[in-house]
N, C-alpha and C. Protein backbone atom coordinates (compact mmCIF):
# COMPACT_ATOMS: atom_id res chain seq x y z
N MET A 1 27.54 23.26 32.41
CA MET A 1 28.06 22.77 31.14
C MET A 1 27.25 21.54 30.71
N THR A 2 26.94 21.49 29.46
CA THR A 2 26.13 20.38 28.96
C THR A 2 27.02 19.24 28.48
N ALA A 3 26.41 18.09 28.34
CA ALA A 3 27.13 16.91 27.88
C ALA A 3 27.37 16.94 26.38
N TYR A 4 26.72 17.88 25.69
CA TYR A 4 26.81 17.99 24.23
C TYR A 4 27.42 19.32 23.85
N GLN A 5 28.04 19.37 22.70
CA GLN A 5 28.66 20.59 22.21
C GLN A 5 27.94 21.04 20.93
N LEU A 6 27.80 22.35 20.76
CA LEU A 6 27.21 22.90 19.55
C LEU A 6 27.99 22.41 18.34
N SER A 7 27.30 21.97 17.33
CA SER A 7 27.87 21.45 16.07
C SER A 7 28.54 20.09 16.22
N GLN A 8 28.44 19.48 17.41
CA GLN A 8 28.94 18.12 17.57
C GLN A 8 28.25 17.25 16.54
N ALA A 9 28.99 16.36 15.89
CA ALA A 9 28.42 15.59 14.77
C ALA A 9 28.50 14.08 15.01
N TRP A 10 27.53 13.40 14.47
CA TRP A 10 27.52 11.95 14.38
C TRP A 10 27.33 11.62 12.92
N ASN A 11 28.30 10.97 12.33
CA ASN A 11 28.25 10.63 10.91
C ASN A 11 28.13 9.13 10.74
N ASP A 12 27.40 8.74 9.72
CA ASP A 12 27.21 7.34 9.37
C ASP A 12 26.71 6.52 10.55
N LEU A 13 25.71 7.06 11.23
CA LEU A 13 25.06 6.35 12.33
C LEU A 13 24.09 5.33 11.73
N ARG A 14 24.30 4.08 12.01
CA ARG A 14 23.49 3.00 11.43
C ARG A 14 22.18 2.84 12.18
N TRP A 15 21.09 2.57 11.46
CA TRP A 15 19.78 2.34 12.06
C TRP A 15 19.13 1.15 11.35
N GLY A 16 18.12 0.58 11.99
CA GLY A 16 17.37 -0.52 11.37
C GLY A 16 16.14 -0.84 12.20
N THR A 17 15.17 -1.46 11.56
CA THR A 17 13.99 -1.90 12.29
C THR A 17 14.39 -3.11 13.11
N VAL A 18 14.09 -3.08 14.39
CA VAL A 18 14.47 -4.16 15.28
C VAL A 18 13.63 -5.40 14.99
N MET A 19 12.35 -5.18 14.81
CA MET A 19 11.41 -6.26 14.51
C MET A 19 10.86 -6.04 13.10
N PRO A 20 10.43 -7.10 12.44
CA PRO A 20 9.81 -6.91 11.13
C PRO A 20 8.54 -6.05 11.24
N VAL A 21 8.29 -5.27 10.21
CA VAL A 21 7.11 -4.43 10.12
C VAL A 21 6.08 -5.19 9.29
N THR A 22 4.90 -5.42 9.85
CA THR A 22 3.86 -6.14 9.13
C THR A 22 2.90 -5.14 8.50
N VAL A 23 2.74 -5.25 7.18
CA VAL A 23 1.84 -4.36 6.44
C VAL A 23 0.91 -5.20 5.57
N MET A 24 -0.18 -4.59 5.15
CA MET A 24 -1.15 -5.25 4.28
C MET A 24 -0.96 -4.71 2.86
N ILE A 25 -0.67 -5.63 1.93
CA ILE A 25 -0.54 -5.26 0.53
C ILE A 25 -1.41 -6.20 -0.28
N SER A 26 -2.37 -5.65 -1.00
CA SER A 26 -3.29 -6.44 -1.82
C SER A 26 -3.90 -7.60 -1.03
N SER A 27 -4.44 -7.30 0.12
CA SER A 27 -5.12 -8.27 0.98
C SER A 27 -4.20 -9.37 1.52
N LYS A 28 -2.89 -9.14 1.49
CA LYS A 28 -1.93 -10.10 2.05
C LYS A 28 -1.07 -9.40 3.09
N LEU A 29 -0.80 -10.10 4.18
CA LEU A 29 0.12 -9.58 5.19
C LEU A 29 1.55 -9.85 4.73
N VAL A 30 2.36 -8.83 4.79
CA VAL A 30 3.76 -8.93 4.36
C VAL A 30 4.63 -8.37 5.48
N GLN A 31 5.73 -9.05 5.77
CA GLN A 31 6.68 -8.56 6.77
C GLN A 31 7.87 -7.94 6.06
N LEU A 32 8.25 -6.76 6.54
CA LEU A 32 9.35 -6.00 5.94
C LEU A 32 10.38 -5.64 7.00
N ARG A 33 11.61 -5.49 6.58
CA ARG A 33 12.69 -4.96 7.42
C ARG A 33 13.35 -3.86 6.63
N ALA A 34 13.88 -2.89 7.33
CA ALA A 34 14.56 -1.78 6.67
C ALA A 34 15.76 -1.37 7.50
N TRP A 35 16.79 -0.87 6.81
CA TRP A 35 17.94 -0.30 7.51
C TRP A 35 18.66 0.68 6.61
N GLY A 36 19.49 1.48 7.26
CA GLY A 36 20.23 2.52 6.54
C GLY A 36 21.16 3.24 7.50
N SER A 37 21.42 4.51 7.21
CA SER A 37 22.30 5.31 8.06
C SER A 37 21.84 6.77 8.04
N CYS A 38 22.39 7.55 8.95
CA CYS A 38 22.08 8.98 9.00
C CYS A 38 23.26 9.73 9.58
N SER A 39 23.22 11.05 9.40
CA SER A 39 24.22 11.94 9.98
C SER A 39 23.48 13.09 10.66
N LEU A 40 23.97 13.47 11.84
CA LEU A 40 23.31 14.49 12.66
C LEU A 40 24.33 15.48 13.21
N THR A 41 23.85 16.68 13.53
CA THR A 41 24.65 17.63 14.29
C THR A 41 23.80 18.23 15.40
N VAL A 42 24.46 18.66 16.45
CA VAL A 42 23.77 19.29 17.58
C VAL A 42 23.55 20.77 17.25
N THR A 43 22.31 21.22 17.41
CA THR A 43 21.98 22.63 17.20
C THR A 43 21.65 23.34 18.51
N ASP A 44 21.20 22.57 19.51
CA ASP A 44 20.84 23.15 20.80
C ASP A 44 21.24 22.16 21.90
N PRO A 45 22.49 22.28 22.39
CA PRO A 45 22.98 21.32 23.39
C PRO A 45 22.12 21.23 24.65
N ALA A 46 21.62 22.33 25.15
CA ALA A 46 20.82 22.30 26.38
C ALA A 46 19.51 21.55 26.17
N ARG A 47 18.85 21.80 25.05
CA ARG A 47 17.59 21.11 24.77
C ARG A 47 17.82 19.62 24.58
N LEU A 48 18.91 19.27 23.90
CA LEU A 48 19.23 17.86 23.69
C LEU A 48 19.51 17.18 25.03
N GLU A 49 20.22 17.86 25.90
CA GLU A 49 20.53 17.27 27.20
C GLU A 49 19.27 17.07 28.05
N GLU A 50 18.28 17.94 27.88
CA GLU A 50 17.00 17.75 28.58
C GLU A 50 16.33 16.44 28.15
N LYS A 51 16.36 16.17 26.86
CA LYS A 51 15.67 15.00 26.32
C LYS A 51 16.51 13.73 26.47
N VAL A 52 17.81 13.84 26.23
CA VAL A 52 18.71 12.68 26.30
C VAL A 52 19.91 13.08 27.16
N PRO A 53 19.77 13.00 28.49
CA PRO A 53 20.83 13.47 29.38
C PRO A 53 22.16 12.74 29.23
N ASP A 54 22.12 11.47 28.92
CA ASP A 54 23.34 10.67 28.82
C ASP A 54 23.71 10.47 27.35
N PRO A 55 24.83 11.03 26.91
CA PRO A 55 25.23 10.88 25.51
C PRO A 55 25.35 9.41 25.07
N ASP A 56 25.59 8.51 26.02
CA ASP A 56 25.68 7.09 25.67
C ASP A 56 24.33 6.54 25.17
N ASN A 57 23.24 7.23 25.49
CA ASN A 57 21.91 6.79 25.07
C ASN A 57 21.44 7.45 23.78
N LEU A 58 22.24 8.38 23.24
CA LEU A 58 21.80 9.13 22.07
C LEU A 58 21.58 8.24 20.86
N THR A 59 22.50 7.33 20.58
CA THR A 59 22.33 6.50 19.39
C THR A 59 21.07 5.64 19.48
N ALA A 60 20.77 5.12 20.65
CA ALA A 60 19.55 4.33 20.82
C ALA A 60 18.32 5.21 20.61
N TYR A 61 18.36 6.43 21.10
CA TYR A 61 17.25 7.37 20.92
C TYR A 61 17.03 7.67 19.44
N VAL A 62 18.11 7.97 18.73
CA VAL A 62 18.04 8.29 17.30
C VAL A 62 17.51 7.09 16.51
N LYS A 63 18.06 5.93 16.79
CA LYS A 63 17.62 4.72 16.08
C LYS A 63 16.14 4.45 16.32
N SER A 64 15.68 4.69 17.53
CA SER A 64 14.27 4.48 17.85
C SER A 64 13.38 5.44 17.07
N LEU A 65 13.76 6.71 17.00
CA LEU A 65 12.98 7.69 16.23
C LEU A 65 12.89 7.31 14.76
N ILE A 66 14.01 6.88 14.20
CA ILE A 66 14.02 6.53 12.78
C ILE A 66 13.20 5.26 12.54
N ALA A 67 13.40 4.26 13.37
CA ALA A 67 12.66 3.00 13.20
C ALA A 67 11.16 3.24 13.32
N GLN A 68 10.74 4.06 14.26
CA GLN A 68 9.32 4.38 14.42
C GLN A 68 8.80 5.09 13.17
N SER A 69 9.57 6.02 12.65
CA SER A 69 9.13 6.79 11.48
C SER A 69 9.06 5.92 10.23
N ILE A 70 10.05 5.05 10.02
CA ILE A 70 10.02 4.19 8.83
C ILE A 70 8.88 3.18 8.95
N THR A 71 8.61 2.71 10.16
CA THR A 71 7.50 1.79 10.37
C THR A 71 6.18 2.46 9.99
N ASP A 72 5.98 3.67 10.48
CA ASP A 72 4.76 4.42 10.15
C ASP A 72 4.67 4.68 8.65
N MET A 73 5.78 5.07 8.05
CA MET A 73 5.79 5.37 6.62
C MET A 73 5.46 4.14 5.78
N LEU A 74 6.04 2.99 6.12
CA LEU A 74 5.76 1.76 5.38
C LEU A 74 4.29 1.38 5.52
N GLY A 75 3.73 1.55 6.71
CA GLY A 75 2.32 1.26 6.92
C GLY A 75 1.43 2.15 6.09
N GLU A 76 1.75 3.44 6.05
CA GLU A 76 0.96 4.38 5.26
C GLU A 76 1.07 4.09 3.76
N ARG A 77 2.27 3.83 3.30
CA ARG A 77 2.48 3.61 1.87
C ARG A 77 1.99 2.25 1.38
N SER A 78 1.82 1.31 2.29
CA SER A 78 1.38 -0.03 1.87
C SER A 78 0.01 0.00 1.21
N GLY A 79 -0.82 0.95 1.60
CA GLY A 79 -2.14 1.07 0.99
C GLY A 79 -2.11 1.67 -0.41
N GLU A 80 -0.97 2.24 -0.79
CA GLU A 80 -0.84 2.91 -2.08
C GLU A 80 -0.26 2.01 -3.17
N VAL A 81 0.17 0.80 -2.80
CA VAL A 81 0.83 -0.07 -3.77
C VAL A 81 0.07 -1.39 -3.92
N SER A 82 0.30 -2.04 -5.04
CA SER A 82 -0.37 -3.31 -5.29
C SER A 82 0.59 -4.50 -5.21
N ASP A 83 1.88 -4.21 -5.06
CA ASP A 83 2.88 -5.26 -5.06
C ASP A 83 3.99 -4.88 -4.10
N VAL A 84 4.54 -5.86 -3.40
CA VAL A 84 5.58 -5.58 -2.42
C VAL A 84 6.82 -4.94 -3.05
N THR A 85 7.12 -5.27 -4.30
CA THR A 85 8.30 -4.68 -4.95
C THR A 85 8.15 -3.17 -5.11
N GLN A 86 6.91 -2.70 -5.23
CA GLN A 86 6.69 -1.25 -5.31
C GLN A 86 7.02 -0.58 -3.98
N LEU A 87 6.76 -1.26 -2.91
CA LEU A 87 7.03 -0.70 -1.58
C LEU A 87 8.50 -0.82 -1.22
N THR A 88 9.15 -1.89 -1.62
CA THR A 88 10.55 -2.08 -1.27
C THR A 88 11.51 -1.35 -2.20
N ALA A 89 11.00 -0.80 -3.29
CA ALA A 89 11.85 -0.03 -4.19
C ALA A 89 12.25 1.26 -3.47
N ILE A 90 13.53 1.45 -3.30
CA ILE A 90 14.01 2.64 -2.61
C ILE A 90 14.19 3.74 -3.66
N THR A 91 13.39 4.76 -3.53
CA THR A 91 13.43 5.85 -4.49
C THR A 91 13.81 7.14 -3.79
N ALA A 92 14.12 8.14 -4.57
CA ALA A 92 14.42 9.45 -4.00
C ALA A 92 13.21 9.97 -3.23
N GLN A 93 12.00 9.65 -3.72
CA GLN A 93 10.79 10.08 -3.03
C GLN A 93 10.67 9.43 -1.66
N THR A 94 11.02 8.15 -1.56
CA THR A 94 10.94 7.44 -0.28
C THR A 94 11.91 8.06 0.73
N ILE A 95 13.12 8.30 0.30
CA ILE A 95 14.14 8.89 1.19
C ILE A 95 13.73 10.30 1.58
N GLN A 96 13.24 11.08 0.62
CA GLN A 96 12.80 12.45 0.92
C GLN A 96 11.64 12.45 1.90
N ALA A 97 10.71 11.52 1.73
CA ALA A 97 9.57 11.42 2.66
C ALA A 97 10.05 11.11 4.07
N LEU A 98 11.02 10.21 4.19
CA LEU A 98 11.55 9.88 5.52
C LEU A 98 12.26 11.09 6.12
N GLN A 99 13.06 11.77 5.33
CA GLN A 99 13.79 12.94 5.83
C GLN A 99 12.80 14.03 6.27
N THR A 100 11.78 14.25 5.48
CA THR A 100 10.78 15.26 5.80
C THR A 100 10.05 14.92 7.11
N THR A 101 9.78 13.65 7.32
CA THR A 101 9.13 13.19 8.55
C THR A 101 10.05 13.35 9.75
N LEU A 102 11.33 13.06 9.57
CA LEU A 102 12.27 13.06 10.69
C LEU A 102 12.75 14.45 11.11
N GLU A 103 12.90 15.36 10.17
CA GLU A 103 13.51 16.66 10.49
C GLU A 103 12.85 17.36 11.68
N PRO A 104 11.52 17.50 11.71
CA PRO A 104 10.94 18.19 12.89
C PRO A 104 11.11 17.40 14.18
N LYS A 105 11.14 16.08 14.11
CA LYS A 105 11.32 15.26 15.31
C LYS A 105 12.71 15.47 15.90
N PHE A 106 13.71 15.65 15.05
CA PHE A 106 15.06 15.91 15.54
C PHE A 106 15.22 17.37 15.95
N ASN A 107 14.65 18.29 15.19
CA ASN A 107 14.77 19.71 15.52
C ASN A 107 14.25 20.03 16.90
N VAL A 108 13.15 19.40 17.29
CA VAL A 108 12.54 19.69 18.58
C VAL A 108 13.42 19.28 19.77
N VAL A 109 14.35 18.37 19.55
CA VAL A 109 15.24 17.96 20.64
C VAL A 109 16.64 18.55 20.52
N GLY A 110 16.84 19.47 19.55
CA GLY A 110 18.14 20.14 19.43
C GLY A 110 19.12 19.47 18.50
N LEU A 111 18.61 18.69 17.55
CA LEU A 111 19.46 18.04 16.56
C LEU A 111 19.06 18.47 15.15
N ARG A 112 20.01 18.47 14.24
CA ARG A 112 19.72 18.69 12.82
C ARG A 112 20.09 17.44 12.05
N LEU A 113 19.15 16.93 11.29
CA LEU A 113 19.38 15.77 10.46
C LEU A 113 20.07 16.24 9.18
N LYS A 114 21.34 15.90 9.03
CA LYS A 114 22.07 16.31 7.82
C LYS A 114 21.65 15.46 6.64
N ASP A 115 21.56 14.16 6.86
CA ASP A 115 21.09 13.28 5.79
C ASP A 115 20.64 11.95 6.38
N VAL A 116 19.83 11.26 5.62
CA VAL A 116 19.37 9.93 5.99
C VAL A 116 19.37 9.09 4.72
N THR A 117 19.80 7.85 4.85
CA THR A 117 19.76 6.94 3.71
C THR A 117 18.97 5.70 4.11
N ILE A 118 18.36 5.11 3.12
CA ILE A 118 17.72 3.82 3.27
C ILE A 118 18.51 2.88 2.37
N GLU A 119 19.21 1.95 2.97
CA GLU A 119 20.01 1.04 2.16
C GLU A 119 19.18 -0.13 1.64
N THR A 120 18.26 -0.60 2.48
CA THR A 120 17.46 -1.76 2.09
C THR A 120 16.09 -1.72 2.75
N ILE A 121 15.09 -2.07 1.97
CA ILE A 121 13.77 -2.44 2.49
C ILE A 121 13.53 -3.81 1.88
N GLU A 122 13.46 -4.82 2.72
CA GLU A 122 13.32 -6.17 2.19
C GLU A 122 12.09 -6.86 2.74
N SER A 123 11.54 -7.72 1.91
CA SER A 123 10.42 -8.55 2.30
C SER A 123 10.95 -9.86 2.87
N LEU A 124 10.37 -10.31 3.98
CA LEU A 124 10.82 -11.56 4.59
C LEU A 124 10.01 -12.74 4.10
């Protein structure tokens, strides 16, 4: 028997960047922080248990995946903007890009990302 159940859900799981993300915008270093929430369901309990055997560690694992992905995304997008407000503007495109990046990362471990939100991207 696995520690997880098929269709087991986590709703409104909060995530955030632990450390500021440093990016280059218009030849200036800028530090950013981001946070939001997500909802997940289990699609493959056995595969999930292989990757995260202890359910008590699941939220830390999920938060780490999201923080890593948002950090990478902010770094990539920083080269496309000329002003920090363009990068910190939370748009449907930004959220969709994050969801698109995260879905395969969760699918491979037996989770389905139902939704992800970005509540804030702020410059420090």
